[in-house]
Structure formats: C-alpha cells, structure tokens
C-alpha cells in the first residue's frame, strides 16, 4: 500500500537538505522505514539523516520513535535535538 506523506524538516536538517518540506509517496510502514528510504536517496539526505546522527522525529505533531506505524496522509517532521540555555 502506498501512503501519501507530508515531510517537514527543521533547523540544521532543513539547511542541509535545502528545503523545509516535501510531499512523498512511500510504501514504508513505520517511521524508521521512512527514514531508511530517505537515507537511501543518498547525498545530502544520507548525510543529514544518517543512522549515526541524533535525529528527533514527530508523527502528526507528536514526538515518536521509529517503530511507530505510518498512517496514510501523515505528517512526519525530522529535527535535531534541541538544547536550551
């Protein structure tokens, strides 16, 4: 089943990718599979979302982990950890 996903990128990830959002058709069933699909694009996606990097994710504006099921028409946001001071 193909899902229509709205992706949003924030902070340094947005800067690395050169975009703040995009629409995507995917067969990924979890947030982790979606991240792997984006990494497989290579280039700036592979670098910004690499498995060794700390990346936070939200699913429909709720903090999530990568095992979360990915529903059709979901909004998924990726961003680096935020520190305060």
Protein backbone atom coordinates (compact mmCIF):
# COMPACT_ATOMS: atom_id res chain seq x y z
CA UNK A 1 0.00 0.00 0.00
CA UNK A 2 1.34 3.40 -0.96
CA UNK A 3 1.00 6.19 1.58
CA UNK A 4 0.94 9.94 0.91
CA UNK A 5 3.18 11.60 3.49
CA UNK A 6 3.97 15.25 4.18
CA UNK A 7 7.55 15.67 5.36
CA UNK A 8 8.85 18.64 7.31
CA UNK A 9 12.48 19.38 8.10
CA UNK A 10 13.76 21.78 10.75
CA UNK A 11 16.94 23.59 11.78
CA UNK A 12 20.21 22.09 10.54
CA UNK A 13 18.39 19.28 8.69
CA UNK A 14 16.41 21.84 6.70
CA UNK A 15 19.62 23.73 5.95
CA UNK A 16 21.39 20.55 4.78
CA UNK A 17 18.51 19.48 2.53
CA UNK A 18 17.76 22.96 1.19
CA UNK A 19 14.02 22.56 1.82
CA UNK A 20 11.63 22.79 4.75
CA UNK A 21 9.02 20.38 3.43
CA UNK A 22 8.05 17.97 0.69
CA UNK A 23 5.28 15.58 -0.22
CA UNK A 24 6.22 11.92 -0.69
CA UNK A 25 4.58 8.71 -1.85
CA UNK A 26 6.02 5.81 0.15
CA UNK A 27 5.48 2.13 0.87
CA UNK A 28 7.16 2.48 4.29
CA UNK A 29 5.04 1.12 7.13
CA UNK A 30 6.95 2.68 10.04
CA UNK A 31 8.75 5.94 10.73
CA UNK A 32 12.06 4.03 10.76
CA UNK A 33 11.42 2.55 7.31
CA UNK A 34 10.62 6.04 6.05
CA UNK A 35 13.92 7.35 7.44
CA UNK A 36 15.77 4.47 5.75
CA UNK A 37 14.03 5.27 2.46
CA UNK A 38 15.15 8.89 2.71
CA UNK A 39 18.73 7.87 3.61
CA UNK A 40 18.75 5.60 0.53
CA UNK A 41 18.33 8.70 -1.65
CA UNK A 42 22.00 9.33 -0.89
CA UNK A 43 23.75 12.68 -0.93
CA UNK A 44 22.52 15.29 1.50
CA UNK A 45 19.67 13.02 2.70
CA UNK A 46 22.11 10.25 3.63
CA UNK A 47 24.26 12.75 5.49
CA UNK A 48 21.52 14.70 7.30
CA UNK A 49 19.50 11.64 8.39
CA UNK A 50 22.37 9.14 8.84
CA UNK A 51 21.87 6.45 11.45
CA UNK A 52 24.84 7.73 13.49
CA UNK A 53 23.27 11.17 13.86
CA UNK A 54 20.90 12.18 16.62
CA UNK A 55 17.60 12.93 14.89
CA UNK A 56 14.27 13.52 16.60
CA UNK A 57 11.01 12.74 14.84
CA UNK A 58 7.38 13.64 15.29
CA UNK A 59 4.40 11.90 13.75
CA UNK A 60 1.31 14.07 13.33
CA UNK A 61 2.84 16.63 15.71
CA UNK A 62 3.50 14.12 18.49
CA UNK A 63 7.02 13.02 19.45
CA UNK A 64 7.51 9.49 18.22
CA UNK A 65 10.03 6.71 17.94
CA UNK A 66 10.92 4.92 14.74
CA UNK A 67 8.75 1.88 15.47
CA UNK A 68 5.57 3.98 15.14
CA UNK A 69 3.18 2.86 12.40
CA UNK A 70 2.99 5.26 9.47
CA UNK A 71 -0.62 6.03 8.50
CA UNK A 72 -1.68 7.44 5.14
CA UNK A 73 -1.70 11.25 4.98
CA UNK A 74 0.63 11.54 7.98
CA UNK A 75 2.88 14.48 8.69
CA UNK A 76 6.38 13.44 9.70
CA UNK A 77 8.89 16.00 10.94
CA UNK A 78 12.63 15.46 11.39
CA UNK A 79 14.77 17.76 13.51
CA UNK A 80 17.99 17.69 15.51
CA UNK A 81 17.89 17.53 19.32
CA UNK A 82 17.20 20.94 20.80
CA UNK A 83 19.25 22.31 23.67
CA UNK A 84 18.37 25.26 25.82
CA UNK A 85 20.49 27.70 27.66
